[in-house]
Amino acid sequence: MIGDWDNLRVFLALAEEGNLTAAARRLRVSHPTISRRIKALEEELGTRLFDRLPDRFQPTEQALELLHDVKEMERASLSIDRRSAGLSGSHLGTVRISVDETMAEFLGRHLSELTTNHKCIEFEIAVAHISANLSRREADLLIRHHVPDLASVVGRKLATFAFALYGTAELAARTDGSRSALVELPWVGFDDEHQYMPGQRWQAALLGNGRPAVRTNNGVMLVNAIRGGNGVGVLPCFIGDADPALVRITPVIDEAATDQWMLVHSDLRNVPRVRIVMDALVQLFKAHRAEIEGTAAAPTLAMSA
């Protein structure tokens, strides 16, 4: 009989992630903890569960036989955890919201509006490119620009975020807004692995064979590079319009408009503290609709052929 469920959780994480680093990150423990628990489980079962290859941990045949049952155990355990969260009916507790860099910037600017009337709730804002797993309760709420095709996830559209081209006044003065003039400007953009970011396909189509002279994988770096006069670049209007160092060079770029959705696991949507935060987020995004949609400030230039 296996005496420690935590050893099975570690086994599942390592089998699914394939390496110690990813498994440790997922479970928020150290490498030695992963190794120690796998060794203990192998000794308890009397069999080797992984082949230690140079680049990964490969589950053995014995491990694969065990894997299905462990997944079912995890699924049941997580379901109990989610359902038990709503049993007390209390408004007290923590609500963890997972967001990307853009939404972190927006929430950071308006966080006091979100928290002021909800002192009984503690807020955790987790920032990551990769969406948190709602089934594993890595977050209570997600704000993302896509809705996963999962029956267990409930989504509500919060807003459509507008994007435009921004640069310093000096760079803006060098263009009349025409495509031919824009192409001649220095540009800042995301690197090749982040071409899915809003506005990057529009930018690539405009530049053709050209590429931004400065490329990054980080939104904060992108804003600072544009603010520093290194080039023009596509930014959310709520960021660019509010920055006195920047000028909006184009109207809102329709192709870059991005819907943001609030996502919650169906087991958690009626938990009182989660419901309170969901309602507060809806009101927050409504209150700042003009800022989000780029209608709070008019573009400086009009884009022409």
C-alpha atoms as a PDB file:
ATOM      1  CA  MET A   1       0.000   0.000   0.000  1.00  0.00           C
ATOM      2  CA  ILE A   2       1.291   3.461  -0.914  1.00  0.00           C
ATOM      3  CA  GLY A   3       1.490   5.509   2.244  1.00  0.00           C
ATOM      4  CA  ASP A   4       2.007   9.059   0.961  1.00  0.00           C
ATOM      5  CA  TRP A   5      -0.195  10.746  -1.664  1.00  0.00           C
ATOM      6  CA  ASP A   6       2.400  13.511  -2.023  1.00  0.00           C
ATOM      7  CA  ASN A   7       4.807  10.980  -3.537  1.00  0.00           C
ATOM      8  CA  LEU A   8       2.194  10.188  -6.179  1.00  0.00           C
ATOM      9  CA  ARG A   9       1.675  13.907  -6.889  1.00  0.00           C
ATOM     10  CA  VAL A  10       5.406  14.234  -7.496  1.00  0.00           C
ATOM     11  CA  PHE A  11       5.369  11.139  -9.700  1.00  0.00           C
ATOM     12  CA  LEU A  12       2.529  12.596 -11.795  1.00  0.00           C
ATOM     13  CA  ALA A  13       4.214  15.981 -12.152  1.00  0.00           C
ATOM     14  CA  LEU A  14       7.510  14.440 -13.263  1.00  0.00           C
ATOM     15  CA  ALA A  15       5.780  12.078 -15.696  1.00  0.00           C
ATOM     16  CA  GLU A  16       3.841  14.942 -17.293  1.00  0.00           C
ATOM     17  CA  GLU A  17       6.580  17.584 -17.247  1.00  0.00           C
ATOM     18  CA  GLY A  18       9.500  15.331 -18.140  1.00  0.00           C
ATOM     19  CA  ASN A  19      12.208  17.048 -16.094  1.00  0.00           C
ATOM     20  CA  LEU A  20      13.013  18.017 -12.525  1.00  0.00           C
ATOM     21  CA  THR A  21      12.980  21.768 -13.143  1.00  0.00           C
ATOM     22  CA  ALA A  22       9.473  21.878 -14.598  1.00  0.00           C
ATOM     23  CA  ALA A  23       8.090  19.438 -12.024  1.00  0.00           C
ATOM     24  CA  ALA A  24       9.602  21.436  -9.157  1.00  0.00           C
ATOM     25  CA  ARG A  25       8.192  24.678 -10.576  1.00  0.00           C
ATOM     26  CA  ARG A  26       4.736  23.153 -10.953  1.00  0.00           C
ATOM     27  CA  LEU A  27       4.642  21.868  -7.382  1.00  0.00           C
ATOM     28  CA  ARG A  28       6.601  24.829  -5.939  1.00  0.00           C
ATOM     29  CA  VAL A  29       9.191  22.621  -4.300  1.00  0.00           C
ATOM     30  CA  SER A  30      12.931  22.104  -4.763  1.00  0.00           C
ATOM     31  CA  HIS A  31      14.786  19.707  -7.083  1.00  0.00           C
ATOM     32  CA  PRO A  32      16.031  17.582  -4.148  1.00  0.00           C
ATOM     33  CA  THR A  33      12.443  17.188  -2.915  1.00  0.00           C
ATOM     34  CA  ILE A  34      11.361  15.809  -6.295  1.00  0.00           C
ATOM     35  CA  SER A  35      14.317  13.404  -6.428  1.00  0.00           C
ATOM     36  CA  ARG A  36      13.850  12.261  -2.840  1.00  0.00           C
ATOM     37  CA  ARG A  37      10.146  11.533  -3.228  1.00  0.00           C
ATOM     38  CA  ILE A  38      10.599   9.667  -6.523  1.00  0.00           C
ATOM     39  CA  LYS A  39      13.290   7.524  -4.913  1.00  0.00           C
ATOM     40  CA  ALA A  40      11.018   6.826  -1.924  1.00  0.00           C
ATOM     41  CA  LEU A  41       8.135   5.830  -4.192  1.00  0.00           C
ATOM     42  CA  GLU A  42      10.338   3.527  -6.274  1.00  0.00           C
ATOM     43  CA  GLU A  43      11.605   1.840  -3.113  1.00  0.00           C
ATOM     44  CA  GLU A  44       8.049   1.500  -1.782  1.00  0.00           C
ATOM     45  CA  LEU A  45       6.823  -0.084  -5.024  1.00  0.00           C
ATOM     46  CA  GLY A  46       9.963  -2.121  -5.581  1.00  0.00           C
ATOM     47  CA  THR A  47      10.336  -0.999  -9.196  1.00  0.00           C
ATOM     48  CA  ARG A  48      12.049   1.662 -11.281  1.00  0.00           C
ATOM     49  CA  LEU A  49       9.575   4.301 -12.488  1.00  0.00           C
ATOM     50  CA  PHE A  50      11.814   6.453 -14.683  1.00  0.00           C
ATOM     51  CA  ASP A  51      14.748   5.992 -16.998  1.00  0.00           C
ATOM     52  CA  ARG A  52      17.145   8.881 -16.342  1.00  0.00           C
ATOM     53  CA  LEU A  53      18.013  10.079 -19.852  1.00  0.00           C
ATOM     54  CA  PRO A  54      20.364  13.025 -20.537  1.00  0.00           C
ATOM     55  CA  ASP A  55      17.545  15.424 -21.434  1.00  0.00           C
ATOM     56  CA  ARG A  56      14.504  14.022 -19.642  1.00  0.00           C
ATOM     57  CA  PHE A  57      12.967  11.509 -17.262  1.00  0.00           C
ATOM     58  CA  GLN A  58      11.281   8.802 -19.353  1.00  0.00           C
ATOM     59  CA  PRO A  59       8.485   6.829 -17.608  1.00  0.00           C
ATOM     60  CA  THR A  60       9.047   3.071 -17.654  1.00  0.00           C
ATOM     61  CA  GLU A  61       6.358   0.557 -18.638  1.00  0.00           C
ATOM     62  CA  GLN A  62       5.582   0.053 -14.955  1.00  0.00           C
ATOM     63  CA  ALA A  63       5.136   3.811 -14.535  1.00  0.00           C
ATOM     64  CA  LEU A  64       2.784   4.044 -17.492  1.00  0.00           C
ATOM     65  CA  GLU A  65       0.598   1.324 -15.964  1.00  0.00           C
ATOM     66  CA  LEU A  66       0.383   3.385 -12.782  1.00  0.00           C
ATOM     67  CA  LEU A  67      -0.091   6.751 -14.490  1.00  0.00           C
ATOM     68  CA  HIS A  68      -3.761   6.408 -15.449  1.00  0.00           C
ATOM     69  CA  ASP A  69      -4.862   5.600 -11.900  1.00  0.00           C
ATOM     70  CA  VAL A  70      -2.793   8.440 -10.440  1.00  0.00           C
ATOM     71  CA  LYS A  71      -4.400  10.894 -12.876  1.00  0.00           C
ATOM     72  CA  GLU A  72      -7.829   9.727 -11.738  1.00  0.00           C
ATOM     73  CA  MET A  73      -6.782  10.177  -8.108  1.00  0.00           C
ATOM     74  CA  GLU A  74      -5.593  13.711  -8.826  1.00  0.00           C
ATOM     75  CA  ARG A  75      -8.793  14.553 -10.674  1.00  0.00           C
ATOM     76  CA  ALA A  76     -10.891  13.398  -7.710  1.00  0.00           C
ATOM     77  CA  SER A  77      -8.668  15.198  -5.203  1.00  0.00           C
ATOM     78  CA  LEU A  78      -8.826  18.477  -7.129  1.00  0.00           C
ATOM     79  CA  SER A  79     -12.592  18.209  -7.475  1.00  0.00           C
ATOM     80  CA  ILE A  80     -12.957  17.779  -3.715  1.00  0.00           C
ATOM     81  CA  ASP A  81     -10.632  20.743  -3.142  1.00  0.00           C
ATOM     82  CA  ARG A  82     -12.596  23.021  -5.479  1.00  0.00           C
ATOM     83  CA  ARG A  83     -15.995  22.013  -4.117  1.00  0.00           C
ATOM     84  CA  SER A  84     -14.889  22.350  -0.499  1.00  0.00           C
ATOM     85  CA  ALA A  85     -13.818  25.948  -1.181  1.00  0.00           C
ATOM     86  CA  GLY A  86     -17.465  26.988  -1.335  1.00  0.00           C
ATOM     87  CA  LEU A  87     -18.820  25.056   1.636  1.00  0.00           C
ATOM     88  CA  SER A  88     -18.242  27.678   4.327  1.00  0.00           C
ATOM     89  CA  GLY A  89     -20.104  30.490   2.536  1.00  0.00           C
ATOM     90  CA  SER A  90     -17.627  32.987   4.003  1.00  0.00           C
ATOM     91  CA  HIS A  91     -16.506  36.095   2.137  1.00  0.00           C
ATOM     92  CA  LEU A  92     -13.131  35.895   3.883  1.00  0.00           C
ATOM     93  CA  GLY A  93     -10.095  34.498   2.114  1.00  0.00           C
ATOM     94  CA  THR A  94      -7.709  34.900  -0.785  1.00  0.00           C
ATOM     95  CA  VAL A  95      -8.569  35.204  -4.464  1.00  0.00           C
ATOM     96  CA  ARG A  96      -5.713  34.532  -6.873  1.00  0.00           C
ATOM     97  CA  ILE A  97      -5.972  36.161 -10.312  1.00  0.00           C
ATOM     98  CA  SER A  98      -3.681  35.053 -13.140  1.00  0.00           C
ATOM     99  CA  VAL A  99      -2.944  37.694 -15.809  1.00  0.00           C
ATOM    100  CA  ASP A 100      -0.449  38.445 -18.567  1.00  0.00           C
ATOM    101  CA  GLU A 101       1.822  41.519 -18.587  1.00  0.00           C
ATOM    102  CA  THR A 102      -0.714  43.796 -20.264  1.00  0.00           C
ATOM    103  CA  MET A 103      -3.487  42.983 -17.814  1.00  0.00           C
ATOM    104  CA  ALA A 104      -1.041  43.266 -14.920  1.00  0.00           C
ATOM    105  CA  GLU A 105      -0.299  46.826 -16.039  1.00  0.00           C
ATOM    106  CA  PHE A 106      -3.994  47.670 -16.262  1.00  0.00           C
ATOM    107  CA  LEU A 107      -4.905  46.124 -12.903  1.00  0.00           C
ATOM    108  CA  GLY A 108      -1.863  47.690 -11.268  1.00  0.00           C
ATOM    109  CA  ARG A 109      -3.049  51.155 -12.266  1.00  0.00           C
ATOM    110  CA  HIS A 110      -6.528  50.598 -10.844  1.00  0.00           C
ATOM    111  CA  LEU A 111      -5.892  48.126  -8.036  1.00  0.00           C
ATOM    112  CA  SER A 112      -7.166  50.448  -5.309  1.00  0.00           C
ATOM    113  CA  GLU A 113     -10.555  50.612  -7.058  1.00  0.00           C
ATOM    114  CA  LEU A 114     -10.691  46.825  -6.995  1.00  0.00           C
ATOM    115  CA  THR A 115      -9.679  46.365  -3.373  1.00  0.00           C
ATOM    116  CA  THR A 116     -11.054  49.409  -1.519  1.00  0.00           C
ATOM    117  CA  ASN A 117     -14.513  48.033  -0.778  1.00  0.00           C
ATOM    118  CA  HIS A 118     -13.377  44.454  -0.247  1.00  0.00           C
ATOM    119  CA  LYS A 119     -11.103  44.536   2.793  1.00  0.00           C
ATOM    120  CA  CYS A 120     -12.213  41.040   3.799  1.00  0.00           C
ATOM    121  CA  ILE A 121     -10.535  39.599   0.697  1.00  0.00           C
ATOM    122  CA  GLU A 122      -6.817  39.215   0.081  1.00  0.00           C
ATOM    123  CA  PHE A 123      -5.762  39.599  -3.552  1.00  0.00           C
ATOM    124  CA  GLU A 124      -2.955  37.696  -5.262  1.00  0.00           C
ATOM    125  CA  ILE A 125      -2.057  38.848  -8.784  1.00  0.00           C
ATOM    126  CA  ALA A 126       0.074  36.248 -10.593  1.00  0.00           C
ATOM    127  CA  VAL A 127       1.748  37.448 -13.809  1.00  0.00           C
ATOM    128  CA  ALA A 128       2.735  34.897 -16.463  1.00  0.00           C
ATOM    129  CA  HIS A 129       2.622  34.338 -20.219  1.00  0.00           C
ATOM    130  CA  ILE A 130       1.336  30.792 -19.679  1.00  0.00           C
ATOM    131  CA  SER A 131      -2.218  30.424 -18.408  1.00  0.00           C
ATOM    132  CA  ALA A 132      -2.619  28.977 -14.943  1.00  0.00           C
ATOM    133  CA  ASN A 133      -4.434  25.650 -14.646  1.00  0.00           C
ATOM    134  CA  LEU A 134      -7.854  26.343 -13.131  1.00  0.00           C
ATOM    135  CA  SER A 135      -8.535  22.653 -12.510  1.00  0.00           C
ATOM    136  CA  ARG A 136      -5.431  22.436 -10.314  1.00  0.00           C
ATOM    137  CA  ARG A 137      -6.372  25.716  -8.605  1.00  0.00           C
ATOM    138  CA  GLU A 138      -3.180  27.411  -9.699  1.00  0.00           C
ATOM    139  CA  ALA A 139      -5.514  30.424  -9.822  1.00  0.00           C
ATOM    140  CA  ASP A 140      -9.126  31.164  -8.959  1.00  0.00           C
ATOM    141  CA  LEU A 141      -9.606  33.515 -11.905  1.00  0.00           C
ATOM    142  CA  LEU A 142      -7.879  33.982 -15.242  1.00  0.00           C
ATOM    143  CA  ILE A 143      -7.949  37.072 -17.436  1.00  0.00           C
ATOM    144  CA  ARG A 144      -6.850  36.081 -20.925  1.00  0.00           C
ATOM    145  CA  HIS A 145      -7.473  36.959 -24.575  1.00  0.00           C
ATOM    146  CA  HIS A 146      -8.709  33.478 -25.471  1.00  0.00           C
ATOM    147  CA  VAL A 147     -11.271  31.065 -24.044  1.00  0.00           C
ATOM    148  CA  PRO A 148     -10.155  27.436 -23.682  1.00  0.00           C
ATOM    149  CA  ASP A 149     -12.490  24.811 -25.104  1.00  0.00           C
ATOM    150  CA  LEU A 150     -13.176  23.167 -21.754  1.00  0.00           C
ATOM    151  CA  ALA A 151     -16.609  22.309 -20.403  1.00  0.00           C
ATOM    152  CA  SER A 152     -15.418  22.993 -16.855  1.00  0.00           C
ATOM    153  CA  VAL A 153     -14.419  26.625 -17.563  1.00  0.00           C
ATOM    154  CA  VAL A 154     -16.919  29.492 -17.616  1.00  0.00           C
ATOM    155  CA  GLY A 155     -15.969  32.716 -19.403  1.00  0.00           C
ATOM    156  CA  ARG A 156     -17.237  36.300 -19.520  1.00  0.00           C
ATOM    157  CA  LYS A 157     -15.933  38.969 -21.865  1.00  0.00           C
ATOM    158  CA  LEU A 158     -14.635  41.978 -19.932  1.00  0.00           C
ATOM    159  CA  ALA A 159     -13.608  44.376 -22.706  1.00  0.00           C
ATOM    160  CA  THR A 160     -11.989  44.822 -26.097  1.00  0.00           C
ATOM    161  CA  PHE A 161      -8.584  46.468 -25.738  1.00  0.00           C
ATOM    162  CA  ALA A 162      -7.478  48.864 -28.473  1.00  0.00           C
ATOM    163  CA  PHE A 163      -3.923  49.236 -29.788  1.00  0.00           C
ATOM    164  CA  ALA A 164      -2.208  51.937 -31.847  1.00  0.00           C
ATOM    165  CA  LEU A 165       1.262  52.983 -32.970  1.00  0.00           C
ATOM    166  CA  TYR A 166       3.198  55.220 -30.573  1.00  0.00           C
ATOM    167  CA  GLY A 167       6.516  57.017 -30.494  1.00  0.00           C
ATOM    168  CA  THR A 168       8.204  60.090 -29.094  1.00  0.00           C
ATOM    169  CA  ALA A 169       7.226  63.530 -30.413  1.00  0.00           C
ATOM    170  CA  GLU A 170      10.554  63.681 -32.256  1.00  0.00           C
ATOM    171  CA  LEU A 171       9.846  60.477 -34.180  1.00  0.00           C
ATOM    172  CA  ALA A 172       6.208  61.418 -34.773  1.00  0.00           C
ATOM    173  CA  ALA A 173       7.369  64.665 -36.386  1.00  0.00           C
ATOM    174  CA  ARG A 174       9.282  62.641 -38.984  1.00  0.00           C
ATOM    175  CA  THR A 175       6.167  61.059 -40.496  1.00  0.00           C
ATOM    176  CA  ASP A 176       2.949  62.242 -42.109  1.00  0.00           C
ATOM    177  CA  GLY A 177       1.230  59.015 -41.130  1.00  0.00           C
ATOM    178  CA  SER A 178       1.481  57.439 -44.576  1.00  0.00           C
ATOM    179  CA  ARG A 179       2.588  53.833 -44.870  1.00  0.00           C
ATOM    180  CA  SER A 180       5.647  54.793 -46.890  1.00  0.00           C
ATOM    181  CA  ALA A 181       6.740  57.276 -44.229  1.00  0.00           C
ATOM    182  CA  LEU A 182       6.083  54.867 -41.354  1.00  0.00           C
ATOM    183  CA  VAL A 183       8.267  52.196 -42.921  1.00  0.00           C
ATOM    184  CA  GLU A 184      11.210  54.605 -42.874  1.00  0.00           C
ATOM    185  CA  LEU A 185      11.032  55.072 -39.104  1.00  0.00           C
ATOM    186  CA  PRO A 186      13.039  52.976 -36.627  1.00  0.00           C
ATOM    187  CA  TRP A 187      10.852  50.302 -35.018  1.00  0.00           C
ATOM    188  CA  VAL A 188      10.623  48.400 -31.746  1.00  0.00           C
ATOM    189  CA  GLY A 189       8.736  45.104 -31.504  1.00  0.00           C
ATOM    190  CA  PHE A 190       8.517  41.652 -29.999  1.00  0.00           C
ATOM    191  CA  ASP A 191      10.922  38.880 -30.946  1.00  0.00           C
ATOM    192  CA  ASP A 192      10.091  35.973 -33.256  1.00  0.00           C
ATOM    193  CA  GLU A 193       8.685  33.794 -30.463  1.00  0.00           C
ATOM    194  CA  HIS A 194       6.157  36.488 -29.523  1.00  0.00           C
ATOM    195  CA  GLN A 195       4.668  37.378 -32.889  1.00  0.00           C
ATOM    196  CA  TYR A 196       1.301  36.293 -31.520  1.00  0.00           C
ATOM    197  CA  MET A 197       1.233  39.454 -29.397  1.00  0.00           C
ATOM    198  CA  PRO A 198      -1.378  42.046 -30.453  1.00  0.00           C
ATOM    199  CA  GLY A 199      -0.306  44.255 -33.343  1.00  0.00           C
ATOM    200  CA  GLN A 200       2.754  42.246 -34.309  1.00  0.00           C
ATOM    201  CA  ARG A 201       1.218  40.734 -37.444  1.00  0.00           C
ATOM    202  CA  TRP A 202       0.021  44.181 -38.518  1.00  0.00           C
ATOM    203  CA  GLN A 203       3.515  45.504 -37.916  1.00  0.00           C
ATOM    204  CA  ALA A 204       5.125  42.642 -39.854  1.00  0.00           C
ATOM    205  CA  ALA A 205       2.770  43.180 -42.812  1.00  0.00           C
ATOM    206  CA  LEU A 206       3.571  46.896 -42.848  1.00  0.00           C
ATOM    207  CA  LEU A 207       7.337  46.411 -42.703  1.00  0.00           C
ATOM    208  CA  GLY A 208       7.399  43.572 -45.233  1.00  0.00           C
ATOM    209  CA  ASN A 209      10.940  42.218 -45.328  1.00  0.00           C
ATOM    210  CA  GLY A 210      12.090  44.740 -42.746  1.00  0.00           C
ATOM    211  CA  ARG A 211      12.404  43.927 -39.052  1.00  0.00           C
ATOM    212  CA  PRO A 212      12.405  46.072 -35.917  1.00  0.00           C
ATOM    213  CA  ALA A 213      15.939  47.066 -34.976  1.00  0.00           C
ATOM    214  CA  VAL A 214      15.077  46.459 -31.317  1.00  0.00           C
ATOM    215  CA  ARG A 215      13.198  43.275 -30.370  1.00  0.00           C
ATOM    216  CA  THR A 216      12.213  41.948 -26.964  1.00  0.00           C
ATOM    217  CA  ASN A 217      10.138  39.279 -25.227  1.00  0.00           C
ATOM    218  CA  ASN A 218       8.978  41.627 -22.471  1.00  0.00           C
ATOM    219  CA  GLY A 219       6.174  44.194 -22.517  1.00  0.00           C
ATOM    220  CA  VAL A 220       7.787  46.524 -19.979  1.00  0.00           C
ATOM    221  CA  MET A 221      10.980  46.581 -22.021  1.00  0.00           C
ATOM    222  CA  LEU A 222       8.935  47.343 -25.144  1.00  0.00           C
ATOM    223  CA  VAL A 223       7.297  50.376 -23.534  1.00  0.00           C
ATOM    224  CA  ASN A 224      10.583  51.693 -22.165  1.00  0.00           C
ATOM    225  CA  ALA A 225      12.340  51.249 -25.508  1.00  0.00           C
ATOM    226  CA  ILE A 226       9.616  53.234 -27.280  1.00  0.00           C
ATOM    227  CA  ARG A 227       9.604  55.883 -24.560  1.00  0.00           C
ATOM    228  CA  GLY A 228      13.374  56.179 -24.858  1.00  0.00           C
ATOM    229  CA  GLY A 229      13.146  57.080 -28.542  1.00  0.00           C
ATOM    230  CA  ASN A 230      14.613  53.823 -29.852  1.00  0.00           C
ATOM    231  CA  GLY A 231      11.746  53.438 -32.305  1.00  0.00           C
ATOM    232  CA  VAL A 232       7.999  53.440 -32.768  1.00  0.00           C
ATOM    233  CA  GLY A 233       5.920  50.456 -31.727  1.00  0.00           C
ATOM    234  CA  VAL A 234       2.439  49.101 -31.112  1.00  0.00           C
ATOM    235  CA  LEU A 235       1.076  49.580 -27.593  1.00  0.00           C
ATOM    236  CA  PRO A 236      -2.268  49.249 -25.823  1.00  0.00           C
ATOM    237  CA  CYS A 237      -4.009  52.623 -25.964  1.00  0.00           C
ATOM    238  CA  PHE A 238      -4.482  52.706 -22.198  1.00  0.00           C
ATOM    239  CA  ILE A 239      -0.689  52.700 -21.853  1.00  0.00           C
ATOM    240  CA  GLY A 240       0.304  54.920 -24.769  1.00  0.00           C
ATOM    241  CA  ASP A 241      -2.397  57.572 -24.328  1.00  0.00           C
ATOM    242  CA  ALA A 242      -1.577  58.037 -20.644  1.00  0.00           C
ATOM    243  CA  ASP A 243       2.176  58.478 -21.197  1.00  0.00           C
ATOM    244  CA  PRO A 244       3.165  62.156 -21.642  1.00  0.00           C
ATOM    245  CA  ALA A 245       6.393  61.089 -23.360  1.00  0.00           C
ATOM    246  CA  LEU A 246       4.497  59.387 -26.188  1.00  0.00           C
ATOM    247  CA  VAL A 247       2.411  60.507 -29.156  1.00  0.00           C
ATOM    248  CA  ARG A 248      -0.206  58.368 -30.851  1.00  0.00           C
ATOM    249  CA  ILE A 249       0.858  58.177 -34.497  1.00  0.00           C
ATOM    250  CA  THR A 250      -1.995  56.127 -35.995  1.00  0.00           C
ATOM    251  CA  PRO A 251      -5.672  55.674 -35.281  1.00  0.00           C
ATOM    252  CA  VAL A 252      -6.691  52.521 -33.439  1.00  0.00           C
ATOM    253  CA  ILE A 253      -5.438  49.463 -35.331  1.00  0.00           C
ATOM    254  CA  ASP A 254      -8.524  47.325 -35.926  1.00  0.00           C
ATOM    255  CA  GLU A 255      -6.500  44.160 -36.604  1.00  0.00           C
ATOM    256  CA  ALA A 256      -4.837  44.417 -33.198  1.00  0.00           C
ATOM    257  CA  ALA A 257      -8.014  44.778 -31.104  1.00  0.00           C
ATOM    258  CA  THR A 258      -7.988  42.098 -28.415  1.00  0.00           C
ATOM    259  CA  ASP A 259     -10.873  40.741 -26.360  1.00  0.00           C
ATOM    260  CA  GLN A 260     -10.068  40.021 -22.732  1.00  0.00           C
ATOM    261  CA  TRP A 261     -12.045  37.310 -20.960  1.00  0.00           C
ATOM    262  CA  MET A 262     -12.510  36.503 -17.300  1.00  0.00           C
ATOM    263  CA  LEU A 263     -12.374  32.737 -16.791  1.00  0.00           C
ATOM    264  CA  VAL A 264     -13.334  30.675 -13.758  1.00  0.00           C
ATOM    265  CA  HIS A 265     -13.766  26.979 -13.047  1.00  0.00           C
ATOM    266  CA  SER A 266     -17.451  26.072 -12.829  1.00  0.00           C
ATOM    267  CA  ASP A 267     -16.920  24.638  -9.329  1.00  0.00           C
ATOM    268  CA  LEU A 268     -15.691  28.027  -8.044  1.00  0.00           C
ATOM    269  CA  ARG A 269     -17.917  30.597  -9.728  1.00  0.00           C
ATOM    270  CA  ASN A 270     -20.443  30.629  -6.857  1.00  0.00           C
ATOM    271  CA  VAL A 271     -17.875  30.748  -4.061  1.00  0.00           C
ATOM    272  CA  PRO A 272     -18.772  34.058  -2.327  1.00  0.00           C
ATOM    273  CA  ARG A 273     -15.327  35.684  -2.344  1.00  0.00           C
ATOM    274  CA  VAL A 274     -14.699  34.624  -5.955  1.00  0.00           C
ATOM    275  CA  ARG A 275     -18.108  35.945  -7.024  1.00  0.00           C
ATOM    276  CA  ILE A 276     -17.433  39.269  -5.286  1.00  0.00           C
ATOM    277  CA  VAL A 277     -14.145  39.703  -7.146  1.00  0.00           C
ATOM    278  CA  MET A 278     -15.723  38.682 -10.451  1.00  0.00           C
ATOM    279  CA  ASP A 279     -18.426  41.335 -10.053  1.00  0.00           C
ATOM    280  CA  ALA A 280     -15.837  43.925  -9.033  1.00  0.00           C
ATOM    281  CA  LEU A 281     -13.731  43.175 -12.119  1.00  0.00           C
ATOM    282  CA  VAL A 282     -16.743  43.595 -14.397  1.00  0.00           C
ATOM    283  CA  GLN A 283     -17.465  47.014 -12.876  1.00  0.00           C
ATOM    284  CA  LEU A 284     -13.806  48.059 -13.054  1.00  0.00           C
ATOM    285  CA  PHE A 285     -13.530  47.317 -16.751  1.00  0.00           C
ATOM    286  CA  LYS A 286     -16.843  49.089 -17.436  1.00  0.00           C
ATOM    287  CA  ALA A 287     -15.677  52.196 -15.584  1.00  0.00           C
ATOM    288  CA  HIS A 288     -12.566  52.469 -17.766  1.00  0.00           C
ATOM    289  CA  ARG A 289     -14.116  51.594 -21.105  1.00  0.00           C
ATOM    290  CA  ALA A 290     -12.997  54.810 -22.880  1.00  0.00           C
ATOM    291  CA  GLU A 291      -9.430  54.332 -21.676  1.00  0.00           C
ATOM    292  CA  ILE A 292      -9.446  50.688 -22.780  1.00  0.00           C
ATOM    293  CA  GLU A 293     -10.969  51.344 -26.198  1.00  0.00           C
ATOM    294  CA  GLY A 294      -8.686  54.273 -26.974  1.00  0.00           C
ATOM    295  CA  THR A 295     -11.463  56.844 -27.187  1.00  0.00           C
ATOM    296  CA  ALA A 296     -10.200  58.966 -24.302  1.00  0.00           C
ATOM    297  CA  ALA A 297      -7.601  60.599 -26.592  1.00  0.00           C
ATOM    298  CA  ALA A 298      -7.649  61.390 -30.311  1.00  0.00           C
ATOM    299  CA  PRO A 299      -4.827  60.228 -32.599  1.00  0.00           C
ATOM    300  CA  THR A 300      -2.282  62.850 -33.630  1.00  0.00           C
ATOM    301  CA  LEU A 301      -1.915  61.637 -37.201  1.00  0.00           C
ATOM    302  CA  ALA A 302      -4.125  59.874 -39.704  1.00  0.00           C
ATOM    303  CA  MET A 303      -2.699  56.928 -41.577  1.00  0.00           C
ATOM    304  CA  SER A 304      -2.845  57.154 -45.354  1.00  0.00           C
ATOM    305  CA  ALA A 305      -1.532  55.152 -48.259  1.00  0.00           C
END
